[in-house]
Protein backbone atom coordinates (compact mmCIF):
# COMPACT_ATOMS: atom_id res chain seq x y z
CA UNK A 1 -56.11 -67.02 158.36
CA UNK A 2 -52.41 -66.47 159.03
CA UNK A 3 -50.95 -65.88 162.48
CA UNK A 4 -47.43 -65.22 163.74
CA UNK A 5 -46.10 -65.12 167.29
CA UNK A 6 -42.73 -63.31 167.34
CA UNK A 7 -40.59 -62.97 170.47
CA UNK A 8 -37.42 -60.87 170.74
CA UNK A 9 -34.90 -60.43 173.54
CA UNK A 10 -31.62 -58.62 174.04
CA UNK A 11 -29.64 -56.20 176.19
CA UNK A 12 -27.87 -52.95 175.40
CA UNK A 13 -24.73 -51.67 177.07
CA UNK A 14 -22.02 -49.05 176.74
CA UNK A 15 -19.71 -51.53 175.00
CA UNK A 16 -22.41 -52.31 172.44
CA UNK A 17 -22.71 -48.66 171.45
CA UNK A 18 -18.95 -48.39 171.03
CA UNK A 19 -18.87 -51.61 169.00
CA UNK A 20 -21.56 -50.39 166.63
CA UNK A 21 -19.84 -47.04 166.19
CA UNK A 22 -16.56 -48.77 165.37
CA UNK A 23 -18.34 -51.13 162.98
CA UNK A 24 -20.00 -48.26 161.15
CA UNK A 25 -16.70 -46.39 160.80
CA UNK A 26 -15.03 -49.46 159.30
CA UNK A 27 -17.83 -49.95 156.79
CA UNK A 28 -18.68 -53.42 158.05
CA UNK A 29 -22.23 -52.67 159.16
CA UNK A 30 -24.37 -53.52 156.14
CA UNK A 31 -27.60 -51.75 156.90
CA UNK A 32 -28.53 -48.48 158.47
CA UNK A 33 -30.90 -45.56 158.34
CA UNK A 34 -30.78 -41.80 158.39
CA UNK A 35 -31.98 -39.20 160.83
CA UNK A 36 -35.48 -40.06 162.06
CA UNK A 37 -36.20 -36.71 163.73
CA UNK A 38 -39.68 -35.34 163.35
CA UNK A 39 -40.26 -33.79 159.96
CA UNK A 40 -37.21 -35.36 158.33
CA UNK A 41 -37.41 -38.49 156.18
CA UNK A 42 -34.81 -41.22 156.83
CA UNK A 43 -32.10 -41.31 154.17
CA UNK A 44 -32.19 -44.39 151.95
CA UNK A 45 -28.82 -46.16 151.86
CA UNK A 46 -27.93 -48.64 149.10
CA UNK A 47 -25.38 -51.29 150.03
CA UNK A 48 -23.55 -52.96 147.18
CA UNK A 49 -21.73 -56.27 147.17
CA UNK A 50 -18.53 -54.27 147.40
CA UNK A 51 -17.97 -52.26 150.62
CA UNK A 52 -19.27 -48.94 149.29
CA UNK A 53 -22.27 -46.88 150.39
CA UNK A 54 -24.14 -44.53 148.11
CA UNK A 55 -27.27 -42.44 148.69
CA UNK A 56 -30.25 -44.05 146.96
CA UNK A 57 -30.83 -41.05 144.67
CA UNK A 58 -27.24 -41.23 143.44
CA UNK A 59 -27.24 -44.91 142.54
CA UNK A 60 -26.85 -45.41 138.77
CA UNK A 61 -29.13 -48.47 138.70
CA UNK A 62 -32.73 -49.19 139.60
CA UNK A 63 -32.32 -50.69 143.07
CA UNK A 64 -34.81 -52.00 145.62
CA UNK A 65 -34.32 -53.35 149.13
CA UNK A 66 -36.55 -55.57 151.26
CA UNK A 67 -35.94 -55.45 155.00
CA UNK A 68 -36.41 -58.16 157.60
CA UNK A 69 -39.94 -57.02 158.51
CA UNK A 70 -41.21 -57.39 154.94
CA UNK A 71 -39.32 -60.65 154.40
CA UNK A 72 -41.19 -62.15 157.35
CA UNK A 73 -44.58 -60.99 156.09
CA UNK A 74 -46.93 -63.98 156.63
CA UNK A 75 -48.18 -63.56 153.06
CA UNK A 76 -44.77 -64.51 151.66
CA UNK A 77 -44.58 -68.30 151.64
CA UNK A 78 -41.03 -68.28 150.26
CA UNK A 79 -38.16 -65.94 149.45
CA UNK A 80 -39.14 -65.90 145.79
CA UNK A 81 -42.62 -64.65 146.78
CA UNK A 82 -41.03 -61.73 148.64
CA UNK A 83 -38.68 -60.85 145.78
CA UNK A 84 -41.62 -61.00 143.36
CA UNK A 85 -43.22 -58.01 145.12
CA UNK A 86 -40.29 -55.70 144.34
CA UNK A 87 -40.65 -53.05 141.60
CA UNK A 88 -39.56 -54.25 138.17
CA UNK A 89 -39.53 -57.93 139.15
CA UNK A 90 -41.88 -60.50 137.62
CA UNK A 91 -42.15 -63.88 139.35
CA UNK A 92 -42.73 -67.11 137.43
CA UNK A 93 -44.06 -69.80 139.76
CA UNK A 94 -45.09 -73.14 138.30
CA UNK A 95 -45.49 -74.87 141.66
CA UNK A 96 -45.13 -74.35 145.38
CA UNK A 97 -41.58 -74.66 146.61
CA UNK A 98 -40.32 -72.91 143.47
CA UNK A 99 -40.29 -69.48 141.89
CA UNK A 100 -37.91 -67.72 139.54
CA UNK A 101 -37.66 -63.91 139.21
CA UNK A 102 -37.57 -62.25 135.80
CA UNK A 103 -35.24 -59.23 135.81
CA UNK A 104 -35.34 -57.08 132.69
CA UNK A 105 -37.04 -59.97 130.89
CA UNK A 106 -34.34 -62.52 131.75
CA UNK A 107 -34.58 -65.56 134.02
CA UNK A 108 -32.48 -68.40 135.44
CA UNK A 109 -28.69 -68.23 134.96
CA UNK A 110 -29.05 -64.90 133.15
CA UNK A 111 -29.58 -63.33 136.59
CA UNK A 112 -26.95 -63.47 139.31
CA UNK A 113 -27.77 -64.48 142.89
CA UNK A 114 -25.25 -63.49 145.58
CA UNK A 115 -25.13 -64.31 149.29
CA UNK A 116 -23.25 -61.49 151.03
CA UNK A 117 -21.26 -60.99 147.83
CA UNK A 118 -20.55 -64.73 147.39
CA UNK A 119 -21.69 -66.30 144.12
CA UNK A 120 -24.71 -68.59 144.53
CA UNK A 121 -25.15 -69.49 140.84
CA UNK A 122 -23.44 -72.48 139.29
CA UNK A 123 -23.17 -73.80 135.74
CA UNK A 124 -26.08 -76.25 136.15
CA UNK A 125 -28.72 -73.58 136.82
CA UNK A 126 -31.60 -74.22 134.43
CA UNK A 127 -32.22 -71.67 131.71
CA UNK A 128 -35.94 -71.65 132.42
CA UNK A 129 -37.98 -71.25 135.60
CA UNK A 130 -36.44 -72.92 138.64
CA UNK A 131 -36.63 -73.22 142.42
CA UNK A 132 -33.18 -72.04 143.50
CA UNK A 133 -34.21 -68.76 145.13
CA UNK A 134 -37.08 -70.48 146.97
CA UNK A 135 -34.70 -72.86 148.76
CA UNK A 136 -33.48 -70.21 151.22
CA UNK A 137 -35.97 -69.34 153.94
CA UNK A 138 -36.58 -65.58 154.34
CA UNK A 139 -36.39 -65.88 158.14
CA UNK A 140 -32.62 -66.44 157.77
CA UNK A 141 -32.05 -63.09 156.03
CA UNK A 142 -31.62 -59.53 157.24
CA UNK A 143 -32.42 -57.95 153.89
CA UNK A 144 -32.47 -58.55 150.13
CA UNK A 145 -31.25 -56.15 147.47
CA UNK A 146 -32.28 -56.31 143.79
CA UNK A 147 -30.34 -54.36 141.16
CA UNK A 148 -32.03 -54.27 137.75
CA UNK A 149 -30.06 -54.18 134.52
CA UNK A 150 -26.68 -55.55 133.41
CA UNK A 151 -24.19 -55.56 136.27
CA UNK A 152 -21.42 -58.01 135.37
CA UNK A 153 -18.69 -55.35 135.60
CA UNK A 154 -19.39 -54.85 139.31
CA UNK A 155 -20.77 -58.24 140.30
CA UNK A 156 -19.29 -60.83 137.93
CA UNK A 157 -20.61 -63.02 135.13
CA UNK A 158 -24.30 -63.99 134.76
CA UNK A 159 -25.58 -60.55 135.86
CA UNK A 160 -27.22 -59.79 132.50
CA UNK A 161 -30.76 -59.18 133.70
CA UNK A 162 -29.80 -58.04 137.17
CA UNK A 163 -28.55 -59.08 140.59
CA UNK A 164 -30.37 -60.48 143.62
CA UNK A 165 -28.16 -60.21 146.70
CA UNK A 166 -29.07 -61.85 150.01
CA UNK A 167 -27.68 -60.73 153.37
CA UNK A 168 -27.96 -63.33 156.19
CA UNK A 169 -28.95 -62.40 159.74
CA UNK A 170 -25.40 -62.31 161.06
CA UNK A 171 -26.45 -60.08 163.98
CA UNK A 172 -29.94 -60.95 165.30
CA UNK A 173 -30.00 -57.80 167.45
CA UNK A 174 -28.16 -54.56 168.05
CA UNK A 175 -27.18 -55.57 171.60
CA UNK A 176 -24.05 -57.64 172.36
CA UNK A 177 -26.32 -60.56 173.30
CA UNK A 178 -29.79 -61.07 171.86
CA UNK A 179 -32.09 -63.11 169.71
CA UNK A 180 -35.57 -63.67 168.42
CA UNK A 181 -38.03 -66.52 168.07
CA UNK A 182 -41.40 -66.99 166.45
CA UNK A 183 -44.01 -69.42 165.20
CA UNK A 184 -46.71 -69.25 162.56
CA UNK A 185 -49.84 -71.00 161.30
CA UNK A 186 -51.93 -70.62 158.13
CA UNK A 187 -55.37 -72.12 157.67
CA UNK A 188 -55.30 -72.18 153.83
CA UNK A 189 -52.95 -75.17 153.82
CA UNK A 190 -52.72 -75.97 157.55
CA UNK A 191 -49.06 -74.98 157.40
CA UNK A 192 -46.96 -74.52 160.52
CA UNK A 193 -43.53 -73.06 161.12
CA UNK A 194 -41.08 -72.02 163.81
CA UNK A 195 -37.80 -70.11 163.79
CA UNK A 196 -35.08 -69.07 166.22
CA UNK A 197 -32.13 -66.66 166.05
CA UNK A 198 -29.52 -65.99 168.73
CA UNK A 199 -26.18 -64.27 168.91
CA UNK A 200 -23.66 -62.80 171.27
CA UNK A 201 -20.12 -61.58 171.60
CA UNK A 202 -17.81 -58.68 172.35
CA UNK A 203 -16.03 -56.00 170.35
CA UNK A 204 -13.41 -58.55 169.23
CA UNK A 205 -15.64 -61.51 168.36
CA UNK A 206 -19.26 -62.40 167.63
CA UNK A 207 -21.16 -65.67 167.14
CA UNK A 208 -24.64 -65.91 165.60
CA UNK A 209 -26.82 -68.90 164.80
CA UNK A 210 -30.34 -69.46 163.57
CA UNK A 211 -32.70 -72.14 162.27
CA UNK A 212 -36.17 -72.39 160.77
CA UNK A 213 -38.51 -75.26 159.87
CA UNK A 214 -41.82 -75.08 158.03
CA UNK A 215 -44.36 -77.66 156.95
CA UNK A 216 -46.80 -76.75 154.17
CA UNK A 217 -49.92 -78.89 153.93
CA UNK A 218 -52.16 -79.48 150.94
CA UNK A 219 -53.37 -76.16 149.56
CA UNK A 220 -57.13 -75.70 149.31
CA UNK A 221 -58.77 -73.47 146.73
CA UNK A 222 -61.50 -70.95 147.55
CA UNK A 223 -64.22 -73.57 147.39
CA UNK A 224 -62.27 -75.96 149.60
CA UNK A 225 -61.03 -78.11 146.70
CA UNK A 226 -57.59 -79.59 147.54
CA UNK A 227 -54.78 -78.95 145.07
CA UNK A 228 -52.87 -82.15 144.24
CA UNK A 229 -49.21 -82.61 145.31
CA UNK A 230 -49.07 -79.11 146.83
CA UNK A 231 -47.72 -80.02 150.28
CA UNK A 232 -44.01 -80.07 151.18
CA UNK A 233 -41.62 -79.06 153.93
CA UNK A 234 -38.63 -76.75 154.11
CA UNK A 235 -35.88 -76.20 156.68
CA UNK A 236 -32.85 -73.95 156.87
CA UNK A 237 -30.11 -72.72 159.18
CA UNK A 238 -27.18 -70.32 159.30
CA UNK A 239 -23.98 -69.95 161.32
CA UNK A 240 -21.70 -66.92 161.56
CA UNK A 241 -18.50 -66.45 163.54
CA UNK A 242 -16.40 -63.32 163.23
CA UNK A 243 -13.27 -62.10 164.98
CA UNK A 244 -11.51 -58.73 164.79
CA UNK A 245 -7.78 -59.26 165.41
CA UNK A 246 -6.88 -55.67 164.44
CA UNK A 247 -8.78 -52.39 164.19
CA UNK A 248 -10.64 -52.29 160.90
CA UNK A 249 -10.01 -55.98 160.16
CA UNK A 250 -12.64 -58.73 160.36
CA UNK A 251 -12.28 -62.46 159.75
CA UNK A 252 -15.46 -64.52 159.49
CA UNK A 253 -16.62 -68.09 158.86
CA UNK A 254 -20.16 -68.54 157.51
CA UNK A 255 -22.55 -71.37 156.71
CA UNK A 256 -25.99 -71.20 155.10
CA UNK A 257 -27.92 -74.44 154.63
CA UNK A 258 -31.34 -75.45 153.29
CA UNK A 259 -33.42 -78.59 152.77
CA UNK A 260 -36.63 -79.03 150.77
CA UNK A 261 -38.55 -82.30 150.61
CA UNK A 262 -41.52 -83.35 148.49
CA UNK A 263 -42.15 -80.13 146.55
CA UNK A 264 -44.66 -81.34 143.97
CA UNK A 265 -45.38 -80.09 140.46
CA UNK A 266 -48.68 -80.94 138.77
CA UNK A 267 -48.99 -78.49 135.86
CA UNK A 268 -49.10 -81.44 133.39
CA UNK A 269 -51.27 -83.71 135.48
CA UNK A 270 -53.97 -83.77 132.79
CA UNK A 271 -51.36 -85.51 130.59
CA UNK A 272 -50.69 -88.10 133.28
CA UNK A 273 -47.38 -86.49 134.33
CA UNK A 274 -46.33 -85.14 137.72
CA UNK A 275 -43.13 -84.91 139.74
CA UNK A 276 -41.56 -84.19 143.14
CA UNK A 277 -38.39 -82.27 144.01
CA UNK A 278 -35.97 -82.84 146.89
CA UNK A 279 -33.17 -80.31 147.32
CA UNK A 280 -30.10 -80.00 149.56
CA UNK A 281 -28.14 -76.75 149.58
CA UNK A 282 -25.02 -75.95 151.62
CA UNK A 283 -22.93 -72.79 151.18
CA UNK A 284 -19.78 -72.29 153.28
CA UNK A 285 -17.41 -69.35 152.95
CA UNK A 286 -14.43 -67.81 154.74
CA UNK A 287 -14.19 -64.03 154.54
CA UNK A 288 -11.44 -61.50 155.27
CA UNK A 289 -12.17 -57.75 155.23
CA UNK A 290 -9.84 -54.89 155.97
CA UNK A 291 -10.60 -51.16 156.04
CA UNK A 292 -7.20 -49.46 156.50
CA UNK A 293 -6.48 -45.76 156.71
CA UNK A 294 -4.92 -44.13 153.68
CA UNK A 295 -5.50 -44.37 149.92
CA UNK A 296 -6.66 -47.99 150.18
CA UNK A 297 -10.13 -47.80 151.68
CA UNK A 298 -11.27 -51.43 151.69
CA UNK A 299 -9.93 -54.88 150.82
CA UNK A 300 -11.87 -58.12 150.75
CA UNK A 301 -10.82 -61.72 150.04
CA UNK A 302 -13.02 -64.81 150.34
CA UNK A 303 -13.10 -68.49 149.43
CA UNK A 304 -16.27 -70.55 149.24
CA UNK A 305 -17.63 -74.07 148.74
CA UNK A 306 -21.18 -74.56 147.53
CA UNK A 307 -22.83 -78.00 147.53
CA UNK A 308 -26.16 -78.61 145.82
CA UNK A 309 -28.10 -81.84 145.41
CA UNK A 310 -31.35 -82.29 143.52
CA UNK A 311 -33.48 -85.40 143.25
CA UNK A 312 -36.48 -85.42 140.92
CA UNK A 313 -39.12 -88.18 140.99
CA UNK A 314 -41.09 -88.22 137.72
CA UNK A 315 -44.27 -90.27 137.38
CA UNK A 316 -46.40 -91.29 134.41
CA UNK A 317 -49.92 -92.71 134.61
CA UNK A 318 -52.50 -93.91 132.09
CA UNK A 319 -55.55 -91.66 131.65
CA UNK A 320 -58.56 -92.29 129.45
CA UNK A 321 -59.61 -89.58 127.00
CA UNK A 322 -61.33 -87.25 127.60
CA UNK A 323 -59.51 -86.84 130.88
CA UNK A 324 -61.60 -86.93 134.04
CA UNK A 325 -60.02 -84.54 136.60
CA UNK A 326 -60.83 -86.96 139.42
CA UNK A 327 -58.93 -89.75 137.62
CA UNK A 328 -55.94 -87.46 137.17
CA UNK A 329 -55.87 -86.57 140.86
CA UNK A 330 -56.19 -90.26 141.76
CA UNK A 331 -52.87 -90.90 140.00
CA UNK A 332 -51.06 -88.97 142.73
CA UNK A 333 -52.45 -91.03 145.63
CA UNK A 334 -49.62 -92.26 147.86
CA UNK A 335 -46.87 -90.56 145.85
CA UNK A 336 -43.96 -90.12 146.10
CA UNK A 337 -42.99 -93.77 146.54
CA UNK A 338 -39.84 -95.11 148.15
CA UNK A 339 -37.56 -97.30 145.99
CA UNK A 340 -38.81 -100.49 147.65
CA UNK A 341 -42.51 -99.59 147.32
CA UNK A 342 -44.56 -100.73 144.31
CA UNK A 343 -46.66 -97.96 142.72
CA UNK A 344 -50.28 -99.00 142.05
CA UNK A 345 -52.27 -98.71 138.81
CA UNK A 346 -52.77 -96.54 136.80
CA UNK A 347 -49.09 -95.54 137.31
CA UNK A 348 -46.82 -97.28 134.83
CA UNK A 349 -43.44 -95.47 135.05
CA UNK A 350 -41.21 -93.88 137.69
CA UNK A 351 -37.98 -92.09 136.78
CA UNK A 352 -35.51 -90.76 139.34
CA UNK A 353 -32.86 -88.20 138.38
CA UNK A 354 -30.14 -87.08 140.78
CA UNK A 355 -27.67 -84.25 140.25
CA UNK A 356 -24.90 -83.23 142.65
CA UNK A 357 -22.63 -80.20 142.26
CA UNK A 358 -19.65 -79.00 144.31
CA UNK A 359 -18.62 -75.44 143.44
CA UNK A 360 -15.28 -74.04 144.64
CA UNK A 361 -15.01 -70.27 144.39
CA UNK A 362 -12.79 -67.33 145.34
CA UNK A 363 -13.01 -63.55 145.12
CA UNK A 364 -10.75 -60.55 145.68
CA UNK A 365 -11.85 -56.90 145.79
CA UNK A 366 -10.07 -53.64 146.46
CA UNK A 367 -11.29 -50.06 146.72
CA UNK A 368 -8.93 -47.10 146.74
CA UNK A 369 -9.28 -43.34 146.48
CA UNK A 370 -6.63 -41.08 144.96
CA UNK A 371 -7.60 -37.42 145.19
CA UNK A 372 -10.90 -37.29 143.26
CA UNK A 373 -10.39 -40.63 141.57
CA UNK A 374 -12.05 -43.67 143.09
CA UNK A 375 -10.72 -47.04 141.94
CA UNK A 376 -12.59 -50.31 142.38
CA UNK A 377 -10.98 -53.52 141.13
CA UNK A 378 -11.81 -57.15 141.72
CA UNK A 379 -11.83 -60.67 140.39
CA UNK A 380 -13.74 -63.83 141.14
CA UNK A 381 -13.76 -67.35 139.78
CA UNK A 382 -15.37 -70.70 140.40
CA UNK A 383 -15.11 -74.31 139.28
CA UNK A 384 -17.95 -76.87 139.28
CA UNK A 385 -17.60 -80.59 139.97
CA UNK A 386 -20.77 -82.18 138.56
CA UNK A 387 -22.12 -85.72 138.92
CA UNK A 388 -25.41 -86.90 137.46
CA UNK A 389 -27.31 -90.18 137.27
CA UNK A 390 -30.76 -91.51 136.48
CA UNK A 391 -32.71 -94.73 136.99
CA UNK A 392 -36.14 -95.94 135.94
CA UNK A 393 -38.69 -98.70 136.52
CA UNK A 394 -41.85 -99.64 134.62
CA UNK A 395 -44.91 -101.72 135.26
CA UNK A 396 -44.68 -103.47 131.86
CA UNK A 397 -41.11 -104.75 132.28
CA UNK A 398 -40.21 -108.28 133.31
CA UNK A 399 -39.90 -108.45 136.23
CA UNK A 400 -42.40 -105.68 136.85
CA UNK A 401 -41.17 -102.47 138.52
CA UNK A 402 -37.52 -103.55 138.39
CA UNK A 403 -35.08 -100.64 138.69
CA UNK A 404 -32.71 -100.07 135.76
CA UNK A 405 -29.85 -97.59 135.46
CA UNK A 406 -30.24 -95.24 132.50
CA UNK A 407 -27.34 -94.47 130.16
CA UNK A 408 -27.13 -90.83 131.22
CA UNK A 409 -28.52 -88.29 133.65
CA UNK A 410 -29.18 -84.60 133.10
CA UNK A 411 -25.49 -83.67 132.78
CA UNK A 412 -23.62 -86.90 132.02
């Protein structure tokens, strides 16, 4: 059983209508529909990372879009679950709290993830299945666009299999002041969650903020059997402030954050191996957009800072052969353990790996039209500052369970 209790509020005024009309003329409004009169289907609009709109039938790539309603479907436990339902996307999911999309047969850093056109990938993204897309809660997003096929010319490096672009909920409602709130519960894992979005402003400025927190309990199979190390919790938030000093010009400051704690992985539990993931993710960017009159149609410049931190607790335990499933599950009792806690038998090793990355990035894009020629140029770049370390303790060492620094981490 899954239940959701959404609440929305807002007000509409004459200024709001004028503001939306001005926003649409300047190309800043990122989503929209066609005529919904009786007997006429709404026109599908595809929004690219660059400020350019094309009818869906005229787009040269296979493109799919998920709106806010589908993103908040109670059946989607994470953003990766929602993306996995899109045509042409295959989702690899080893454990809860993770999930990596395959686009055109490619996975990991061979696919590019963007947040409102800002690069989300960094050089430490694993080449295999990973949890990066599952870190961001779908309640923080307005829509998600997936473009299948190579797209590095338009979107930058890493877009070999395709592009997944996320658009945050920078405007919770169409009115000048509004918001939404909701809560949910699922009986399969006794999970709970709550989220809140609010925003307000005028034609010259707008401020939006939102947050979400979810706790996922131990998942139970159809017969009621609990799945080991399947519970975890996730939280996220976003902030958006924009000002319009001149007609057609918008300056904005944005922040998208996420936290995941205790996401377990037990696919090798029958070998006496299991692990837990903790992740911190913070993306901050400053954005300047200008839509002047004349041959130059749109200009965009942005700088960003992306901080990621990952801690992995790996455990090993002794199992007698042939392996008794109950003995394997017993290994996970009480885990994960704090550094000052002593793991009990049959655990004999705990390894902790920590990786931290700061990514500084910048982009510049320009779109111009000269007679029948449309020109789109751009450049982006980023630099990663990476630190990595690892430590380990064992039951057989003297003294027992004494922490020792390892010679290298994942990237050092």
